[in-house]
Structure formats: C-alpha cells, structure tokens
Protein backbone atom coordinates (compact mmCIF):
# COMPACT_ATOMS: atom_id res chain seq x y z
CA MET A 1 38.51 -67.25 4.09
CA ASP A 2 38.19 -70.17 5.73
CA ILE A 3 35.74 -70.89 8.91
CA ILE A 4 38.33 -69.75 11.31
CA SER A 5 39.35 -66.84 10.08
CA LEU A 6 35.53 -65.54 9.60
CA LEU A 7 35.02 -66.62 13.63
CA ILE A 8 38.31 -64.76 14.31
CA PHE A 9 37.11 -61.51 12.37
CA LEU A 10 33.25 -61.75 13.70
CA VAL A 11 35.04 -62.11 17.21
CA ILE A 12 37.03 -59.39 16.73
CA GLY A 13 34.19 -57.23 15.12
CA ALA A 14 31.74 -57.91 18.08
CA LEU A 15 34.74 -56.75 20.62
CA ALA A 16 35.25 -53.81 18.98
CA GLY A 17 31.65 -52.66 18.29
CA TRP A 18 30.94 -53.46 22.50
CA LEU A 19 33.86 -51.50 23.38
CA ALA A 20 32.49 -48.45 21.10
CA GLY A 21 29.37 -48.86 22.42
CA ASN A 22 30.50 -48.49 25.87
CA ILE A 23 32.64 -45.67 24.91
CA ILE A 24 30.19 -43.34 23.05
CA LYS A 25 26.83 -44.38 24.78
CA GLY A 26 27.71 -46.37 28.16
CA ARG A 27 26.60 -49.94 27.05
CA GLY A 28 26.72 -52.32 24.45
CA PHE A 29 23.96 -52.96 21.10
CA GLY A 30 23.67 -56.93 22.00
CA VAL A 31 25.82 -59.36 20.21
CA ILE A 32 24.63 -58.88 16.66
CA GLY A 33 24.55 -55.21 16.77
CA ASN A 34 28.25 -55.35 18.33
CA ILE A 35 29.24 -57.35 15.19
CA ILE A 36 27.95 -54.90 13.22
CA VAL A 37 29.15 -51.95 14.41
CA GLY A 38 32.48 -53.19 14.42
CA VAL A 39 32.91 -54.85 11.48
CA VAL A 40 31.74 -51.81 9.65
CA GLY A 41 33.90 -49.80 11.97
CA ALA A 42 36.88 -52.16 11.36
CA VAL A 43 36.35 -50.85 7.17
CA VAL A 44 35.97 -47.11 8.27
CA GLY A 45 38.92 -47.65 10.70
CA GLY A 46 41.09 -49.17 8.37
CA PHE A 47 40.10 -46.78 5.81
CA ILE A 48 40.85 -44.06 7.82
CA PHE A 49 44.28 -45.48 9.16
CA SER A 50 45.20 -45.79 5.29
CA LEU A 51 44.92 -42.56 4.36
CA LEU A 52 46.98 -41.48 7.68
CA GLY A 53 49.79 -44.04 7.04
CA ILE A 54 49.37 -45.75 9.92
CA THR A 55 49.78 -49.37 10.07
CA THR A 56 48.56 -51.73 13.19
CA GLY A 57 49.74 -55.70 13.03
CA GLY A 58 48.19 -58.54 15.16
CA LEU A 59 45.06 -59.14 17.43
CA ILE A 60 45.49 -56.05 19.60
CA GLY A 61 46.36 -53.96 16.49
CA SER A 62 43.11 -55.00 14.48
CA ILE A 63 41.01 -54.55 17.77
CA ILE A 64 42.47 -50.85 18.22
CA MET A 65 41.90 -49.84 14.49
CA ALA A 66 38.62 -51.33 14.50
CA THR A 67 37.30 -49.96 17.91
CA ILE A 68 38.31 -46.54 16.66
CA GLY A 69 36.50 -46.69 13.42
CA ALA A 70 33.62 -47.94 15.05
CA VAL A 71 33.72 -44.97 18.08
CA ILE A 72 33.86 -42.58 14.82
CA LEU A 73 31.04 -44.27 12.85
CA LEU A 74 28.97 -43.82 16.05
CA PHE A 75 29.90 -40.16 16.48
CA ILE A 76 29.04 -39.54 13.14
CA ILE A 77 25.61 -41.37 13.29
CA SER A 78 25.09 -39.46 16.66
CA LEU A 79 25.66 -35.91 14.69
CA VAL A 80 23.13 -37.08 11.90
CA LYS A 81 20.38 -38.62 14.58
CA LYS A 82 20.64 -34.42 15.91
CA LYS A 83 20.17 -33.22 12.85
CA ALA A 84 17.22 -34.97 11.96
C-alpha cells in the first residue's frame, strides 16, 4: 500500500467514524477515535456487505459502507456497555 492509498484509507476512516459518532451519540470521538472507529467499521461493513452480497464502488460507496459498519459497531458496543 503506498502512502496516498494509506492517507485516503485513514481519511475515509475518520469521516466514517465521525459520521457514525454523530448518528449514534450526537458527536464525534476526536480525530484518532474517529479513525479507529471508522477503520474497524470499514472491516465490519465489508464483512456484512459481503455476507449480503452487496458491492460498493468508489469513494462514496466506501464511505457509506464504512459508516454503516461503524454505526453497527457502536450499536453493539452500547449494548455490551448496558449489560455490564
């Protein structure tokens, strides 16, 4: 992975994490937190989309998939926190 691809991946992660944070809890998690939530959300979203046979393309598709994955991730985390 070259440096430009890595930067794009991190920017998509940050944007997806910020969007998911705003959807779930009304605010983001800071730059590093947004990147972490977005990157993990992209993995979760990619896994779920592949199970459902959904494909996304381009920058917008990647952002949507990562955001949906991050929202699901945050929802699951909130359920686990409530039980603890």
